[in-house]
PDB file of N, CA and C in Angstrom:
ATOM      1  N   MET A   1      46.954 123.246  69.515  1.00  0.00           N
ATOM      2  CA  MET A   1      47.617 123.418  70.109  1.00  0.00           C
ATOM      3  C   MET A   1      47.996 122.536  71.300  1.00  0.00           C
ATOM      4  N   PHE A   2      47.236 121.671  71.795  1.00  0.00           N
ATOM      5  CA  PHE A   2      47.583 120.707  72.936  1.00  0.00           C
ATOM      6  C   PHE A   2      47.784 119.499  71.807  1.00  0.00           C
ATOM      7  N   THR A   3      48.321 118.389  72.462  1.00  0.00           N
ATOM      8  CA  THR A   3      48.804 117.307  71.080  1.00  0.00           C
ATOM      9  C   THR A   3      48.247 116.316  72.464  1.00  0.00           C
ATOM     10  N   LYS A   4      48.401 116.507  73.659  1.00  0.00           N
ATOM     11  CA  LYS A   4      47.651 115.327  74.558  1.00  0.00           C
ATOM     12  C   LYS A   4      46.934 116.409  75.860  1.00  0.00           C
ATOM     13  N   ASP A   5      45.902 116.225  76.048  1.00  0.00           N
ATOM     14  CA  ASP A   5      44.714 116.864  77.077  1.00  0.00           C
ATOM     15  C   ASP A   5      45.055 116.163  78.506  1.00  0.00           C
ATOM     16  N   LEU A   6      44.708 117.131  79.216  1.00  0.00           N
ATOM     17  CA  LEU A   6      44.623 116.732  80.617  1.00  0.00           C
ATOM     18  C   LEU A   6      43.643 115.302  80.620  1.00  0.00           C
ATOM     19  N   GLN A   7      43.826 114.277  81.515  1.00  0.00           N
ATOM     20  CA  GLN A   7      43.029 113.221  82.110  1.00  0.00           C
ATOM     21  C   GLN A   7      42.787 113.618  83.387  1.00  0.00           C
ATOM     22  N   ASP A   8      40.888 112.850  83.614  1.00  0.00           N
ATOM     23  CA  ASP A   8      40.797 112.758  84.888  1.00  0.00           C
ATOM     24  C   ASP A   8      41.443 112.134  85.627  1.00  0.00           C
ATOM     25  N   ILE A   9      41.499 112.111  87.121  1.00  0.00           N
ATOM     26  CA  ILE A   9      42.030 111.284  88.175  1.00  0.00           C
ATOM     27  C   ILE A   9      41.092 111.103  89.364  1.00  0.00           C
ATOM     28  N   LYS A  10      41.414 109.828  89.691  1.00  0.00           N
ATOM     29  CA  LYS A  10      40.284 109.310  90.796  1.00  0.00           C
ATOM     30  C   LYS A  10      41.363 108.742  91.740  1.00  0.00           C
ATOM     31  N   VAL A  11      41.219 109.615  92.785  1.00  0.00           N
ATOM     32  CA  VAL A  11      42.143 109.304  94.162  1.00  0.00           C
ATOM     33  C   VAL A  11      40.945 107.919  95.147  1.00  0.00           C
ATOM     34  N   THR A  12      41.421 107.438  95.444  1.00  0.00           N
ATOM     35  CA  THR A  12      41.322 106.198  96.126  1.00  0.00           C
ATOM     36  C   THR A  12      41.619 105.764  97.180  1.00  0.00           C
ATOM     37  N   ARG A  13      43.062 105.925  97.908  1.00  0.00           N
ATOM     38  CA  ARG A  13      43.609 105.961  98.824  1.00  0.00           C
ATOM     39  C   ARG A  13      44.442 107.562  99.085  1.00  0.00           C
ATOM     40  N   LEU A  14      44.262 108.051 100.684  1.00  0.00           N
ATOM     41  CA  LEU A  14      44.882 109.093 101.408  1.00  0.00           C
ATOM     42  C   LEU A  14      45.930 108.204 101.893  1.00  0.00           C
ATOM     43  N   PRO A  15      46.972 109.137 102.478  1.00  0.00           N
ATOM     44  CA  PRO A  15      47.289 110.034 101.396  1.00  0.00           C
ATOM     45  C   PRO A  15      48.055 109.438 100.314  1.00  0.00           C
ATOM     46  N   SER A  16      47.669 110.589  99.133  1.00  0.00           N
ATOM     47  CA  SER A  16      48.390 110.207  98.004  1.00  0.00           C
ATOM     48  C   SER A  16      48.474 111.653  97.494  1.00  0.00           C
ATOM     49  N   SER A  17      49.190 111.585  96.149  1.00  0.00           N
ATOM     50  CA  SER A  17      49.468 112.759  95.227  1.00  0.00           C
ATOM     51  C   SER A  17      48.683 112.689  93.814  1.00  0.00           C
ATOM     52  N   ALA A  18      48.567 113.559  93.169  1.00  0.00           N
ATOM     53  CA  ALA A  18      47.730 113.599  92.016  1.00  0.00           C
ATOM     54  C   ALA A  18      48.366 114.475  90.693  1.00  0.00           C
ATOM     55  N   SER A  19      48.795 113.695  89.558  1.00  0.00           N
ATOM     56  CA  SER A  19      49.680 114.672  88.752  1.00  0.00           C
ATOM     57  C   SER A  19      48.490 114.926  87.398  1.00  0.00           C
ATOM     58  N   PHE A  20      48.229 116.219  87.125  1.00  0.00           N
ATOM     59  CA  PHE A  20      47.963 116.396  86.053  1.00  0.00           C
ATOM     60  C   PHE A  20      48.931 116.691  84.783  1.00  0.00           C
ATOM     61  N   GLU A  21      49.092 116.115  83.382  1.00  0.00           N
ATOM     62  CA  GLU A  21      50.104 116.324  82.778  1.00  0.00           C
ATOM     63  C   GLU A  21      48.910 116.950  81.150  1.00  0.00           C
ATOM     64  N   CYS A  22      49.914 117.630  80.163  1.00  0.00           N
ATOM     65  CA  CYS A  22      49.179 117.805  79.084  1.00  0.00           C
ATOM     66  C   CYS A  22      50.960 118.271  78.476  1.00  0.00           C
ATOM     67  N   GLU A  23      50.289 118.024  77.110  1.00  0.00           N
ATOM     68  CA  GLU A  23      51.570 118.279  76.231  1.00  0.00           C
ATOM     69  C   GLU A  23      50.822 118.943  75.111  1.00  0.00           C
ATOM     70  N   LEU A  24      51.599 120.234  75.039  1.00  0.00           N
ATOM     71  CA  LEU A  24      51.575 121.417  73.806  1.00  0.00           C
ATOM     72  C   LEU A  24      52.273 120.800  72.409  1.00  0.00           C
ATOM     73  N   ASN A  25      51.899 121.612  71.432  1.00  0.00           N
ATOM     74  CA  ASN A  25      52.793 121.087  70.045  1.00  0.00           C
ATOM     75  C   ASN A  25      53.729 122.062  70.196  1.00  0.00           C
ATOM     76  N   ARG A  26      54.428 122.745  70.886  1.00  0.00           N
ATOM     77  CA  ARG A  26      55.820 123.346  70.763  1.00  0.00           C
ATOM     78  C   ARG A  26      56.184 123.886  72.295  1.00  0.00           C
ATOM     79  N   SER A  27      57.276 123.794  72.353  1.00  0.00           N
ATOM     80  CA  SER A  27      58.048 124.568  73.473  1.00  0.00           C
ATOM     81  C   SER A  27      57.976 125.981  73.759  1.00  0.00           C
ATOM     82  N   ASN A  28      58.405 126.268  75.442  1.00  0.00           N
ATOM     83  CA  ASN A  28      58.387 128.123  75.636  1.00  0.00           C
ATOM     84  C   ASN A  28      56.904 128.200  75.539  1.00  0.00           C
ATOM     85  N   VAL A  29      55.986 127.728  75.614  1.00  0.00           N
ATOM     86  CA  VAL A  29      54.780 128.682  75.458  1.00  0.00           C
ATOM     87  C   VAL A  29      54.228 128.526  76.920  1.00  0.00           C
ATOM     88  N   PRO A  30      54.240 129.504  77.236  1.00  0.00           N
ATOM     89  CA  PRO A  30      53.668 130.057  78.919  1.00  0.00           C
ATOM     90  C   PRO A  30      51.949 129.386  78.755  1.00  0.00           C
ATOM     91  N   VAL A  31      52.107 128.533  80.467  1.00  0.00           N
ATOM     92  CA  VAL A  31      50.448 128.245  80.637  1.00  0.00           C
ATOM     93  C   VAL A  31      50.284 129.195  81.816  1.00  0.00           C
ATOM     94  N   THR A  32      48.874 128.775  82.412  1.00  0.00           N
ATOM     95  CA  THR A  32      48.251 128.811  83.404  1.00  0.00           C
ATOM     96  C   THR A  32      47.379 128.319  83.805  1.00  0.00           C
ATOM     97  N   TRP A  33      47.612 127.430  85.101  1.00  0.00           N
ATOM     98  CA  TRP A  33      47.029 126.705  85.924  1.00  0.00           C
ATOM     99  C   TRP A  33      46.038 126.771  86.684  1.00  0.00           C
ATOM    100  N   TYR A  34      44.445 126.101  86.525  1.00  0.00           N
ATOM    101  CA  TYR A  34      43.118 126.489  87.311  1.00  0.00           C
ATOM    102  C   TYR A  34      42.652 125.756  88.318  1.00  0.00           C
ATOM    103  N   LYS A  35      42.250 125.824  89.271  1.00  0.00           N
ATOM    104  CA  LYS A  35      41.020 125.285  90.141  1.00  0.00           C
ATOM    105  C   LYS A  35      39.721 125.818  89.557  1.00  0.00           C
ATOM    106  N   GLU A  36      38.971 125.335  89.426  1.00  0.00           N
ATOM    107  CA  GLU A  36      37.889 125.759  89.024  1.00  0.00           C
ATOM    108  C   GLU A  36      38.035 127.088  88.361  1.00  0.00           C
ATOM    109  N   ASP A  37      37.897 128.324  88.566  1.00  0.00           N
ATOM    110  CA  ASP A  37      38.255 129.277  87.827  1.00  0.00           C
ATOM    111  C   ASP A  37      39.582 130.413  88.842  1.00  0.00           C
ATOM    112  N   GLN A  38      39.989 129.813  89.707  1.00  0.00           N
ATOM    113  CA  GLN A  38      41.074 130.101  90.273  1.00  0.00           C
ATOM    114  C   GLN A  38      42.274 130.130  89.963  1.00  0.00           C
ATOM    115  N   PRO A  39      42.977 131.324  89.598  1.00  0.00           N
ATOM    116  CA  PRO A  39      44.163 130.559  89.297  1.00  0.00           C
ATOM    117  C   PRO A  39      45.324 130.047  89.890  1.00  0.00           C
ATOM    118  N   LEU A  40      46.048 129.450  89.798  1.00  0.00           N
ATOM    119  CA  LEU A  40      47.045 128.217  90.830  1.00  0.00           C
ATOM    120  C   LEU A  40      48.318 128.999  90.887  1.00  0.00           C
ATOM    121  N   ARG A  41      49.343 128.590  91.652  1.00  0.00           N
ATOM    122  CA  ARG A  41      50.297 129.303  92.130  1.00  0.00           C
ATOM    123  C   ARG A  41      50.900 128.228  92.808  1.00  0.00           C
ATOM    124  N   ARG A  42      52.360 128.254  92.715  1.00  0.00           N
ATOM    125  CA  ARG A  42      53.370 127.307  93.723  1.00  0.00           C
ATOM    126  C   ARG A  42      53.336 127.286  94.726  1.00  0.00           C
ATOM    127  N   SER A  43      53.193 126.167  95.863  1.00  0.00           N
ATOM    128  CA  SER A  43      53.230 126.224  97.102  1.00  0.00           C
ATOM    129  C   SER A  43      54.011 124.813  97.432  1.00  0.00           C
ATOM    130  N   GLN A  44      53.831 124.835  98.935  1.00  0.00           N
ATOM    131  CA  GLN A  44      54.396 123.581  99.290  1.00  0.00           C
ATOM    132  C   GLN A  44      53.754 122.655  98.815  1.00  0.00           C
ATOM    133  N   ARG A  45      52.242 122.565  99.005  1.00  0.00           N
ATOM    134  CA  ARG A  45      51.656 121.272  98.359  1.00  0.00           C
ATOM    135  C   ARG A  45      51.555 121.146  96.366  1.00  0.00           C
ATOM    136  N   LEU A  46      51.749 122.403  96.229  1.00  0.00           N
ATOM    137  CA  LEU A  46      51.265 122.512  94.653  1.00  0.00           C
ATOM    138  C   LEU A  46      52.488 122.803  94.248  1.00  0.00           C
ATOM    139  N   ALA A  47      53.356 121.633  92.981  1.00  0.00           N
ATOM    140  CA  ALA A  47      54.182 121.678  91.994  1.00  0.00           C
ATOM    141  C   ALA A  47      53.980 122.037  90.574  1.00  0.00           C
ATOM    142  N   LEU A  48      54.350 123.171  89.794  1.00  0.00           N
ATOM    143  CA  LEU A  48      54.022 123.352  88.520  1.00  0.00           C
ATOM    144  C   LEU A  48      55.256 122.930  87.870  1.00  0.00           C
ATOM    145  N   ASP A  49      55.384 122.045  87.062  1.00  0.00           N
ATOM    146  CA  ASP A  49      56.754 121.927  86.337  1.00  0.00           C
ATOM    147  C   ASP A  49      56.446 121.451  84.710  1.00  0.00           C
ATOM    148  N   VAL A  50      57.665 122.256  83.846  1.00  0.00           N
ATOM    149  CA  VAL A  50      57.754 122.068  82.548  1.00  0.00           C
ATOM    150  C   VAL A  50      58.410 121.261  82.285  1.00  0.00           C
ATOM    151  N   GLU A  51      58.646 120.508  81.065  1.00  0.00           N
ATOM    152  CA  GLU A  51      60.027 119.599  80.439  1.00  0.00           C
ATOM    153  C   GLU A  51      59.524 120.380  79.081  1.00  0.00           C
ATOM    154  N   GLY A  52      60.339 120.318  78.467  1.00  0.00           N
ATOM    155  CA  GLY A  52      60.475 120.884  77.250  1.00  0.00           C
ATOM    156  C   GLY A  52      58.567 121.375  76.710  1.00  0.00           C
ATOM    157  N   ARG A  53      57.787 120.588  75.800  1.00  0.00           N
ATOM    158  CA  ARG A  53      56.342 120.528  76.075  1.00  0.00           C
ATOM    159  C   ARG A  53      55.428 120.246  76.796  1.00  0.00           C
ATOM    160  N   VAL A  54      56.153 119.330  77.620  1.00  0.00           N
ATOM    161  CA  VAL A  54      55.079 118.840  78.490  1.00  0.00           C
ATOM    162  C   VAL A  54      54.990 119.815  79.959  1.00  0.00           C
ATOM    163  N   HIS A  55      53.773 120.015  80.387  1.00  0.00           N
ATOM    164  CA  HIS A  55      53.300 121.024  81.439  1.00  0.00           C
ATOM    165  C   HIS A  55      52.907 119.891  82.664  1.00  0.00           C
ATOM    166  N   ARG A  56      53.372 119.648  83.859  1.00  0.00           N
ATOM    167  CA  ARG A  56      52.604 119.046  84.925  1.00  0.00           C
ATOM    168  C   ARG A  56      51.988 119.963  86.110  1.00  0.00           C
ATOM    169  N   LEU A  57      51.097 119.693  86.712  1.00  0.00           N
ATOM    170  CA  LEU A  57      50.512 120.076  87.804  1.00  0.00           C
ATOM    171  C   LEU A  57      50.397 118.729  88.953  1.00  0.00           C
ATOM    172  N   THR A  58      51.003 119.004  90.085  1.00  0.00           N
ATOM    173  CA  THR A  58      51.320 117.781  90.893  1.00  0.00           C
ATOM    174  C   THR A  58      50.626 118.048  92.076  1.00  0.00           C
ATOM    175  N   LEU A  59      49.800 117.803  92.474  1.00  0.00           N
ATOM    176  CA  LEU A  59      48.954 117.883  94.004  1.00  0.00           C
ATOM    177  C   LEU A  59      49.673 116.855  95.327  1.00  0.00           C
ATOM    178  N   LYS A  60      49.898 117.339  95.868  1.00  0.00           N
ATOM    179  CA  LYS A  60      50.932 116.757  97.280  1.00  0.00           C
ATOM    180  C   LYS A  60      49.436 116.659  98.076  1.00  0.00           C
ATOM    181  N   ASN A  61      49.614 115.522  98.584  1.00  0.00           N
ATOM    182  CA  ASN A  61      49.151 115.254 100.460  1.00  0.00           C
ATOM    183  C   ASN A  61      47.341 115.601  99.804  1.00  0.00           C
ATOM    184  N   VAL A  62      46.754 114.649  98.764  1.00  0.00           N
ATOM    185  CA  VAL A  62      45.695 115.266  98.504  1.00  0.00           C
ATOM    186  C   VAL A  62      44.425 114.871  99.353  1.00  0.00           C
ATOM    187  N   GLU A  63      43.703 116.326  99.718  1.00  0.00           N
ATOM    188  CA  GLU A  63      42.108 115.767 100.460  1.00  0.00           C
ATOM    189  C   GLU A  63      41.222 115.935  99.810  1.00  0.00           C
ATOM    190  N   SER A  64      40.196 115.702 100.090  1.00  0.00           N
ATOM    191  CA  SER A  64      38.785 115.650 100.112  1.00  0.00           C
ATOM    192  C   SER A  64      38.185 117.130  99.336  1.00  0.00           C
ATOM    193  N   ALA A  65      39.235 118.387 100.141  1.00  0.00           N
ATOM    194  CA  ALA A  65      38.940 119.734  99.731  1.00  0.00           C
ATOM    195  C   ALA A  65      39.370 120.188  98.071  1.00  0.00           C
ATOM    196  N   ASP A  66      40.278 118.967  97.698  1.00  0.00           N
ATOM    197  CA  ASP A  66      40.850 119.101  96.404  1.00  0.00           C
ATOM    198  C   ASP A  66      40.044 118.776  95.280  1.00  0.00           C
ATOM    199  N   GLU A  67      38.933 118.124  95.814  1.00  0.00           N
ATOM    200  CA  GLU A  67      38.293 117.616  94.735  1.00  0.00           C
ATOM    201  C   GLU A  67      37.633 118.549  93.514  1.00  0.00           C
ATOM    202  N   ALA A  68      37.800 118.867  92.184  1.00  0.00           N
ATOM    203  CA  ALA A  68      37.474 119.693  91.430  1.00  0.00           C
ATOM    204  C   ALA A  68      37.807 119.791  90.583  1.00  0.00           C
ATOM    205  N   VAL A  69      37.703 120.525  89.597  1.00  0.00           N
ATOM    206  CA  VAL A  69      38.209 120.548  88.057  1.00  0.00           C
ATOM    207  C   VAL A  69      39.468 121.378  87.869  1.00  0.00           C
ATOM    208  N   TYR A  70      40.095 120.918  87.374  1.00  0.00           N
ATOM    209  CA  TYR A  70      41.333 121.779  86.934  1.00  0.00           C
ATOM    210  C   TYR A  70      41.750 121.959  85.403  1.00  0.00           C
ATOM    211  N   SER A  71      42.323 122.699  85.576  1.00  0.00           N
ATOM    212  CA  SER A  71      42.326 123.439  83.847  1.00  0.00           C
ATOM    213  C   SER A  71      43.835 124.127  83.843  1.00  0.00           C
ATOM    214  N   VAL A  72      44.258 123.807  82.026  1.00  0.00           N
ATOM    215  CA  VAL A  72      45.299 124.593  82.155  1.00  0.00           C
ATOM    216  C   VAL A  72      45.178 125.419  80.537  1.00  0.00           C
ATOM    217  N   VAL A  73      45.670 127.150  80.606  1.00  0.00           N
ATOM    218  CA  VAL A  73      45.055 127.685  79.463  1.00  0.00           C
ATOM    219  C   VAL A  73      46.620 127.739  79.015  1.00  0.00           C
ATOM    220  N   ALA A  74      46.721 127.626  77.721  1.00  0.00           N
ATOM    221  CA  ALA A  74      47.600 128.117  76.630  1.00  0.00           C
ATOM    222  C   ALA A  74      47.112 129.033  75.681  1.00  0.00           C
ATOM    223  N   LYS A  75      47.941 130.000  75.091  1.00  0.00           N
ATOM    224  CA  LYS A  75      47.248 131.189  74.521  1.00  0.00           C
ATOM    225  C   LYS A  75      45.422 130.847  73.884  1.00  0.00           C
ATOM    226  N   ASN A  76      44.890 131.260  74.865  1.00  0.00           N
ATOM    227  CA  ASN A  76      43.517 131.078  74.718  1.00  0.00           C
ATOM    228  C   ASN A  76      42.692 129.553  74.604  1.00  0.00           C
ATOM    229  N   VAL A  77      43.451 128.577  74.620  1.00  0.00           N
ATOM    230  CA  VAL A  77      42.986 127.145  74.518  1.00  0.00           C
ATOM    231  C   VAL A  77      43.280 126.788  75.657  1.00  0.00           C
ATOM    232  N   ARG A  78      42.010 125.834  76.082  1.00  0.00           N
ATOM    233  CA  ARG A  78      41.810 125.526  77.301  1.00  0.00           C
ATOM    234  C   ARG A  78      41.990 123.837  77.627  1.00  0.00           C
ATOM    235  N   SER A  79      42.419 122.910  78.306  1.00  0.00           N
ATOM    236  CA  SER A  79      42.381 122.072  78.342  1.00  0.00           C
ATOM    237  C   SER A  79      42.144 121.444  80.198  1.00  0.00           C
ATOM    238  N   ALA A  80      40.843 120.181  80.456  1.00  0.00           N
ATOM    239  CA  ALA A  80      40.327 120.736  81.841  1.00  0.00           C
ATOM    240  C   ALA A  80      40.148 119.060  82.089  1.00  0.00           C
ATOM    241  N   ALA A  81      40.273 118.701  83.215  1.00  0.00           N
ATOM    242  CA  ALA A  81      39.949 117.344  83.738  1.00  0.00           C
ATOM    243  C   ALA A  81      39.626 117.399  85.179  1.00  0.00           C
ATOM    244  N   LYS A  82      38.721 116.212  85.724  1.00  0.00           N
ATOM    245  CA  LYS A  82      38.440 116.208  86.919  1.00  0.00           C
ATOM    246  C   LYS A  82      39.246 115.578  87.983  1.00  0.00           C
ATOM    247  N   LEU A  83      39.751 116.116  89.211  1.00  0.00           N
ATOM    248  CA  LEU A  83      40.451 115.016  90.434  1.00  0.00           C
ATOM    249  C   LEU A  83      38.962 114.869  91.396  1.00  0.00           C
ATOM    250  N   SER A  84      38.679 113.369  91.380  1.00  0.00           N
ATOM    251  CA  SER A  84      37.804 113.085  92.354  1.00  0.00           C
ATOM    252  C   SER A  84      38.414 112.181  93.472  1.00  0.00           C
ATOM    253  N   VAL A  85      37.849 112.642  94.483  1.00  0.00           N
ATOM    254  CA  VAL A  85      38.392 111.967  95.903  1.00  0.00           C
ATOM    255  C   VAL A  85      37.545 110.800  96.656  1.00  0.00           C
ATOM    256  N   GLN A  86      37.750 109.628  96.161  1.00  0.00           N
ATOM    257  CA  GLN A  86      36.205 108.453  96.741  1.00  0.00           C
ATOM    258  C   GLN A  86      37.400 107.580  97.814  1.00  0.00           C
ATOM    259  N   CYS A  87      37.581 107.933  98.810  1.00  0.00           N
ATOM    260  CA  CYS A  87      38.221 106.929  99.619  1.00  0.00           C
ATOM    261  C   CYS A  87      37.056 106.544 100.852  1.00  0.00           C
ATOM    262  N   GLU A  88      37.283 105.100 100.759  1.00  0.00           N
ATOM    263  CA  GLU A  88      36.472 104.176 101.709  1.00  0.00           C
ATOM    264  C   GLU A  88      36.825 104.209 103.375  1.00  0.00           C
TER     265      GLU A  88
END
């Protein structure tokens, strides 16, 4: 199902954005994004985009509270990655 899985992201400077991206083996497959086990919806800080087989979740103005495991599910197949916020 996934031809490119999500990759972990480390944010070391704020303000910053973070984008998780995956690619599926075909187009027009609906996906659901999650933060831990909570489904995500579009908002002013959260963009969910699709370009053909590529699905992207972008978090704008990342905060330390955004640190979590994010996942995407397509047809009961899951890909997951961690967002780490490590600012000095």
